[in-house]
Amino acid sequence: MREWVAHNKTVPLEILELLATDIDVKVRYVVARKRKINNRIFDLLKTDSEETVRHALICNTGLSLDLKKKIKIDDSDWLKNELNKK
């Protein structure tokens, strides 16, 4: 159910902040794709242990290129290539 809560367009930022620390990678992935994430959520996810979550941040059209450059990519050639496409 937490994944569906994260999909909700009207979910408050406070709830998204909680979901950004969820144990389920699918939940964190959905949060990373949200255009309305704040700096706290970004900071929680930019070094996520799952590269798919960090990839979701790279693909997030609501984030500036300057923010995207702060995402941890040094452990993934895939992420390096994806960020270079932006």
C-alpha atoms as a PDB file:
ATOM      1  CA  MET A   1       0.000   0.000   0.000  1.00  0.00           C
ATOM      2  CA  ARG A   2       2.898   2.402   0.676  1.00  0.00           C
ATOM      3  CA  GLU A   3       3.820   2.368  -3.009  1.00  0.00           C
ATOM      4  CA  TRP A   4       0.300   3.483  -3.923  1.00  0.00           C
ATOM      5  CA  VAL A   5       0.396   6.215  -1.297  1.00  0.00           C
ATOM      6  CA  ALA A   6       3.587   7.519  -2.921  1.00  0.00           C
ATOM      7  CA  HIS A   7       1.817   7.543  -6.313  1.00  0.00           C
ATOM      8  CA  ASN A   8      -0.929   9.787  -4.930  1.00  0.00           C
ATOM      9  CA  LYS A   9      -0.662  13.277  -6.447  1.00  0.00           C
ATOM     10  CA  THR A  10      -1.874  14.973  -3.276  1.00  0.00           C
ATOM     11  CA  VAL A  11       0.339  13.162  -0.781  1.00  0.00           C
ATOM     12  CA  PRO A  12       1.930  15.668   1.628  1.00  0.00           C
ATOM     13  CA  LEU A  13       5.690  16.187   1.582  1.00  0.00           C
ATOM     14  CA  GLU A  14       5.902  14.973   5.187  1.00  0.00           C
ATOM     15  CA  ILE A  15       4.580  11.578   4.080  1.00  0.00           C
ATOM     16  CA  LEU A  16       6.957  11.487   1.111  1.00  0.00           C
ATOM     17  CA  GLU A  17       9.838  12.163   3.505  1.00  0.00           C
ATOM     18  CA  LEU A  18       8.835   9.092   5.513  1.00  0.00           C
ATOM     19  CA  LEU A  19       8.443   7.000   2.372  1.00  0.00           C
ATOM     20  CA  ALA A  20      11.886   8.089   1.149  1.00  0.00           C
ATOM     21  CA  THR A  21      13.351   5.974   3.956  1.00  0.00           C
ATOM     22  CA  ASP A  22      11.131   2.958   3.328  1.00  0.00           C
ATOM     23  CA  ILE A  23      12.772  -0.461   3.269  1.00  0.00           C
ATOM     24  CA  ASP A  24      11.022  -1.313  -0.026  1.00  0.00           C
ATOM     25  CA  VAL A  25      13.055  -0.118  -3.012  1.00  0.00           C
ATOM     26  CA  LYS A  26       9.872   0.195  -5.120  1.00  0.00           C
ATOM     27  CA  VAL A  27       8.495   2.763  -2.686  1.00  0.00           C
ATOM     28  CA  ARG A  28      11.710   4.810  -2.700  1.00  0.00           C
ATOM     29  CA  TYR A  29      11.773   4.593  -6.525  1.00  0.00           C
ATOM     30  CA  VAL A  30       8.280   6.066  -6.783  1.00  0.00           C
ATOM     31  CA  VAL A  31       9.215   8.863  -4.373  1.00  0.00           C
ATOM     32  CA  ALA A  32      12.353   9.636  -6.415  1.00  0.00           C
ATOM     33  CA  ARG A  33      10.202  10.089  -9.540  1.00  0.00           C
ATOM     34  CA  LYS A  34       7.901  12.646  -7.874  1.00  0.00           C
ATOM     35  CA  ARG A  35       8.345  16.147  -9.299  1.00  0.00           C
ATOM     36  CA  LYS A  36       7.478  17.816  -5.992  1.00  0.00           C
ATOM     37  CA  ILE A  37      10.251  16.379  -3.837  1.00  0.00           C
ATOM     38  CA  ASN A  38      12.012  18.778  -1.513  1.00  0.00           C
ATOM     39  CA  ASN A  39      15.697  19.096  -0.581  1.00  0.00           C
ATOM     40  CA  ARG A  40      15.355  16.722   2.385  1.00  0.00           C
ATOM     41  CA  ILE A  41      13.911  13.974   0.193  1.00  0.00           C
ATOM     42  CA  PHE A  42      16.561  14.586  -2.447  1.00  0.00           C
ATOM     43  CA  ASP A  43      19.311  14.366   0.184  1.00  0.00           C
ATOM     44  CA  LEU A  44      17.893  11.072   1.457  1.00  0.00           C
ATOM     45  CA  LEU A  45      17.754   9.520  -2.006  1.00  0.00           C
ATOM     46  CA  LYS A  46      20.816  10.915  -3.788  1.00  0.00           C
ATOM     47  CA  THR A  47      23.048   8.305  -2.126  1.00  0.00           C
ATOM     48  CA  ASP A  48      20.511   5.483  -1.984  1.00  0.00           C
ATOM     49  CA  SER A  49      22.056   2.004  -1.952  1.00  0.00           C
ATOM     50  CA  GLU A  50      19.922   1.023  -4.963  1.00  0.00           C
ATOM     51  CA  GLU A  51      21.082   2.479  -8.252  1.00  0.00           C
ATOM     52  CA  THR A  52      17.534   2.230  -9.636  1.00  0.00           C
ATOM     53  CA  VAL A  53      16.418   4.801  -7.068  1.00  0.00           C
ATOM     54  CA  ARG A  54      19.273   7.117  -8.010  1.00  0.00           C
ATOM     55  CA  HIS A  55      18.410   6.549 -11.691  1.00  0.00           C
ATOM     56  CA  ALA A  56      14.851   7.656 -10.936  1.00  0.00           C
ATOM     57  CA  LEU A  57      16.275  10.914  -9.558  1.00  0.00           C
ATOM     58  CA  ILE A  58      18.346  11.391 -12.704  1.00  0.00           C
ATOM     59  CA  CYS A  59      15.192  10.925 -14.786  1.00  0.00           C
ATOM     60  CA  ASN A  60      13.130  13.252 -12.587  1.00  0.00           C
ATOM     61  CA  THR A  61      12.210  16.202 -14.823  1.00  0.00           C
ATOM     62  CA  GLY A  62      11.519  18.373 -11.775  1.00  0.00           C
ATOM     63  CA  LEU A  63      15.191  18.446 -10.779  1.00  0.00           C
ATOM     64  CA  SER A  64      17.772  20.828 -12.171  1.00  0.00           C
ATOM     65  CA  LEU A  65      20.957  19.542 -13.783  1.00  0.00           C
ATOM     66  CA  ASP A  66      22.917  21.090 -10.893  1.00  0.00           C
ATOM     67  CA  LEU A  67      21.013  18.900  -8.425  1.00  0.00           C
ATOM     68  CA  LYS A  68      21.371  15.838 -10.634  1.00  0.00           C
ATOM     69  CA  LYS A  69      25.138  16.306 -10.574  1.00  0.00           C
ATOM     70  CA  LYS A  70      25.025  15.766  -6.785  1.00  0.00           C
ATOM     71  CA  ILE A  71      23.639  12.228  -7.139  1.00  0.00           C
ATOM     72  CA  LYS A  72      26.073   9.468  -6.244  1.00  0.00           C
ATOM     73  CA  ILE A  73      27.152   7.860  -9.532  1.00  0.00           C
ATOM     74  CA  ASP A  74      30.780   6.877  -8.886  1.00  0.00           C
ATOM     75  CA  ASP A  75      29.814   3.244  -8.236  1.00  0.00           C
ATOM     76  CA  SER A  76      27.841   2.774 -11.467  1.00  0.00           C
ATOM     77  CA  ASP A  77      28.895   3.135 -15.094  1.00  0.00           C
ATOM     78  CA  TRP A  78      25.220   2.929 -16.023  1.00  0.00           C
ATOM     79  CA  LEU A  79      24.393   6.002 -13.915  1.00  0.00           C
ATOM     80  CA  LYS A  80      27.416   7.883 -15.233  1.00  0.00           C
ATOM     81  CA  ASN A  81      26.215   7.292 -18.784  1.00  0.00           C
ATOM     82  CA  GLU A  82      22.640   8.264 -17.915  1.00  0.00           C
ATOM     83  CA  LEU A  83      23.718  11.503 -16.264  1.00  0.00           C
ATOM     84  CA  ASN A  84      25.911  12.375 -19.244  1.00  0.00           C
ATOM     85  CA  LYS A  85      22.817  12.093 -21.485  1.00  0.00           C
ATOM     86  CA  LYS A  86      21.097  14.878 -19.526  1.00  0.00           C
END
